[in-house]
C-alpha atoms as a PDB file:
ATOM      1  CA  MET A   1       0.016   0.019  -0.076  1.00  0.00           C
ATOM      2  CA  LYS A   2       2.654   2.374   0.832  1.00  0.00           C
ATOM      3  CA  ASN A   3       4.061   2.187  -2.794  1.00  0.00           C
ATOM      4  CA  ALA A   4       0.759   2.941  -4.478  1.00  0.00           C
ATOM      5  CA  TYR A   5       0.345   5.902  -1.584  1.00  0.00           C
ATOM      6  CA  LEU A   6       3.654   7.504  -2.816  1.00  0.00           C
ATOM      7  CA  LEU A   7       3.032   7.167  -6.905  1.00  0.00           C
ATOM      8  CA  LEU A   8      -0.529   8.565  -5.918  1.00  0.00           C
ATOM      9  CA  ALA A   9       1.308  11.685  -4.416  1.00  0.00           C
ATOM     10  CA  VAL A  10       2.955  12.049  -7.360  1.00  0.00           C
ATOM     11  CA  ALA A  11       0.343  11.717  -9.649  1.00  0.00           C
ATOM     12  CA  GLY A  12      -1.807  13.845  -7.832  1.00  0.00           C
ATOM     13  CA  THR A  13       0.980  16.859  -7.629  1.00  0.00           C
ATOM     14  CA  VAL A  14       1.575  16.121 -11.718  1.00  0.00           C
ATOM     15  CA  VAL A  15      -1.819  16.019 -13.158  1.00  0.00           C
ATOM     16  CA  PRO A  16      -3.513  19.271 -11.450  1.00  0.00           C
ATOM     17  CA  TYR A  17      -0.236  20.896 -12.321  1.00  0.00           C
ATOM     18  CA  VAL A  18      -0.941  19.997 -15.787  1.00  0.00           C
ATOM     19  CA  PHE A  19      -3.833  22.170 -16.042  1.00  0.00           C
ATOM     20  CA  PHE A  20      -3.307  25.218 -13.316  1.00  0.00           C
ATOM     21  CA  THR A  21      -0.443  25.679 -16.078  1.00  0.00           C
ATOM     22  CA  ARG A  22      -2.913  25.565 -19.048  1.00  0.00           C
ATOM     23  CA  HIS A  23      -4.399  28.349 -16.998  1.00  0.00           C
ATOM     24  CA  PHE A  24      -1.335  30.555 -15.800  1.00  0.00           C
ATOM     25  CA  MET A  25       0.019  30.402 -19.636  1.00  0.00           C
ATOM     26  CA  SER A  26      -3.048  31.738 -20.774  1.00  0.00           C
ATOM     27  CA  ALA A  27      -4.327  35.183 -22.086  1.00  0.00           C
ATOM     28  CA  ASP A  28      -5.871  35.905 -18.365  1.00  0.00           C
ATOM     29  CA  PRO A  29      -3.162  34.474 -15.938  1.00  0.00           C
ATOM     30  CA  SER A  30      -4.578  36.038 -12.707  1.00  0.00           C
ATOM     31  CA  LEU A  31      -5.127  34.485  -9.397  1.00  0.00           C
ATOM     32  CA  ALA A  32      -8.658  36.635  -9.836  1.00  0.00           C
ATOM     33  CA  ALA A  33      -9.124  34.881 -12.624  1.00  0.00           C
ATOM     34  CA  PHE A  34      -8.167  31.836 -11.346  1.00  0.00           C
ATOM     35  CA  VAL A  35     -10.950  31.520  -8.523  1.00  0.00           C
ATOM     36  CA  GLU A  36     -13.469  33.159 -10.816  1.00  0.00           C
ATOM     37  CA  GLN A  37     -12.967  30.306 -12.929  1.00  0.00           C
ATOM     38  CA  LEU A  38     -13.240  27.740  -9.835  1.00  0.00           C
ATOM     39  CA  PHE A  39     -16.768  28.908  -9.582  1.00  0.00           C
ATOM     40  CA  ALA A  40     -17.305  30.125 -12.933  1.00  0.00           C
ATOM     41  CA  THR A  41     -20.241  26.804 -13.640  1.00  0.00           C
ATOM     42  CA  ASN A  42     -22.203  24.992 -11.193  1.00  0.00           C
ATOM     43  CA  PRO A  43     -20.762  21.715 -11.050  1.00  0.00           C
ATOM     44  CA  ALA A  44     -17.467  23.756 -10.781  1.00  0.00           C
ATOM     45  CA  ALA A  45     -18.786  25.455  -8.216  1.00  0.00           C
ATOM     46  CA  GLY A  46     -19.577  21.635  -6.967  1.00  0.00           C
ATOM     47  CA  PHE A  47     -16.417  20.083  -7.266  1.00  0.00           C
ATOM     48  CA  THR A  48     -14.594  23.455  -5.436  1.00  0.00           C
ATOM     49  CA  SER A  49     -16.750  23.695  -2.639  1.00  0.00           C
ATOM     50  CA  ASP A  50     -16.763  19.815  -1.964  1.00  0.00           C
ATOM     51  CA  LEU A  51     -12.884  19.640  -2.366  1.00  0.00           C
ATOM     52  CA  LEU A  52     -12.686  22.845   0.016  1.00  0.00           C
ATOM     53  CA  ILE A  53     -14.862  20.997   2.449  1.00  0.00           C
ATOM     54  CA  THR A  54     -12.661  17.600   1.731  1.00  0.00           C
ATOM     55  CA  SER A  55      -9.627  19.470   2.769  1.00  0.00           C
ATOM     56  CA  VAL A  56     -10.712  21.269   6.232  1.00  0.00           C
ATOM     57  CA  ALA A  57     -12.003  17.718   7.461  1.00  0.00           C
ATOM     58  CA  PHE A  58      -8.381  16.216   5.745  1.00  0.00           C
ATOM     59  CA  TRP A  59      -6.785  19.059   8.326  1.00  0.00           C
ATOM     60  CA  ILE A  60      -8.704  17.387  11.393  1.00  0.00           C
ATOM     61  CA  TRP A  61      -8.220  14.225  10.748  1.00  0.00           C
ATOM     62  CA  SER A  62      -4.976  14.000   9.746  1.00  0.00           C
ATOM     63  CA  TYR A  63      -3.971  16.291  13.232  1.00  0.00           C
ATOM     64  CA  GLY A  64      -5.586  13.723  15.420  1.00  0.00           C
ATOM     65  CA  GLU A  65      -3.322  10.806  13.245  1.00  0.00           C
ATOM     66  CA  ALA A  66      -0.242  12.786  13.510  1.00  0.00           C
ATOM     67  CA  LYS A  67      -0.432  13.025  16.574  1.00  0.00           C
ATOM     68  CA  ARG A  68      -1.219   9.506  17.053  1.00  0.00           C
ATOM     69  CA  HIS A  69       1.403   8.032  15.067  1.00  0.00           C
ATOM     70  CA  GLY A  70       4.224  10.535  16.481  1.00  0.00           C
ATOM     71  CA  MET A  71       4.744  12.099  13.059  1.00  0.00           C
ATOM     72  CA  SER A  72       6.269  16.104  13.020  1.00  0.00           C
ATOM     73  CA  ARG A  73       5.831  19.039  11.411  1.00  0.00           C
ATOM     74  CA  TRP A  74       1.600  18.056  10.750  1.00  0.00           C
ATOM     75  CA  TRP A  75       1.144  21.683   9.029  1.00  0.00           C
ATOM     76  CA  ALA A  76       3.438  20.772   6.214  1.00  0.00           C
ATOM     77  CA  TYR A  77       0.722  18.565   5.245  1.00  0.00           C
ATOM     78  CA  VAL A  78      -1.710  21.794   5.265  1.00  0.00           C
ATOM     79  CA  MET A  79       0.812  23.589   3.301  1.00  0.00           C
ATOM     80  CA  LEU A  80       1.192  21.055   1.014  1.00  0.00           C
ATOM     81  CA  ASN A  81      -2.795  21.071   0.616  1.00  0.00           C
ATOM     82  CA  LEU A  82      -2.940  24.872   0.303  1.00  0.00           C
ATOM     83  CA  ALA A  83      -0.056  24.662  -2.421  1.00  0.00           C
ATOM     84  CA  VAL A  84      -0.561  21.553  -4.541  1.00  0.00           C
ATOM     85  CA  GLY A  85      -3.741  20.397  -3.608  1.00  0.00           C
ATOM     86  CA  LEU A  86      -5.671  17.378  -1.440  1.00  0.00           C
ATOM     87  CA  SER A  87      -4.504  15.039  -4.189  1.00  0.00           C
ATOM     88  CA  CYS A  88      -0.982  15.063  -3.505  1.00  0.00           C
ATOM     89  CA  ALA A  89      -0.803  15.602   0.797  1.00  0.00           C
ATOM     90  CA  LEU A  90      -3.554  13.401   1.470  1.00  0.00           C
ATOM     91  CA  PRO A  91      -1.452   9.887  -0.418  1.00  0.00           C
ATOM     92  CA  LEU A  92       1.491  11.643   0.813  1.00  0.00           C
ATOM     93  CA  PHE A  93       0.541  11.952   4.664  1.00  0.00           C
ATOM     94  CA  LEU A  94      -0.853   8.236   4.562  1.00  0.00           C
ATOM     95  CA  TYR A  95       2.437   7.027   2.749  1.00  0.00           C
ATOM     96  CA  VAL A  96       3.895   8.846   5.667  1.00  0.00           C
ATOM     97  CA  ARG A  97       1.810   7.095   8.143  1.00  0.00           C
ATOM     98  CA  GLU A  98       2.453   3.871   7.004  1.00  0.00           C
ATOM     99  CA  ARG A  99       5.997   4.143   6.594  1.00  0.00           C
ATOM    100  CA  ARG A 100       6.166   5.332  10.177  1.00  0.00           C
ATOM    101  CA  SER A 101       3.756   2.204  11.359  1.00  0.00           C
ATOM    102  CA  ASP A 102       5.940   0.023   9.564  1.00  0.00           C
ATOM    103  CA  SER A 103       8.874   1.151  11.854  1.00  0.00           C
ATOM    104  CA  LEU A 104       7.895   1.028  15.460  1.00  0.00           C
ATOM    105  CA  PRO A 105       7.828  -2.433  17.061  1.00  0.00           C
END
């Protein structure tokens, strides 16, 4: 499972950034245009809202899991979630948690 989580973390970085790069290389690469497009249609707004709520749930859950497993720098996963996305932060957190569990007696 550990390697699958790591592979998903890599894919969760690369795939979204393909689309982000397309936006920021477009005619209006501003952050304001980016945010506006996140809510441009009802389906986009639904996916964006879903992702925002799920991200907050991940922050709460991962905080408890990090404490339980003795994982330091929990805040780094929140920053990764904000900078890259949940598609990278969640599988990377799971990878590190599994690796930590494997090293415990």
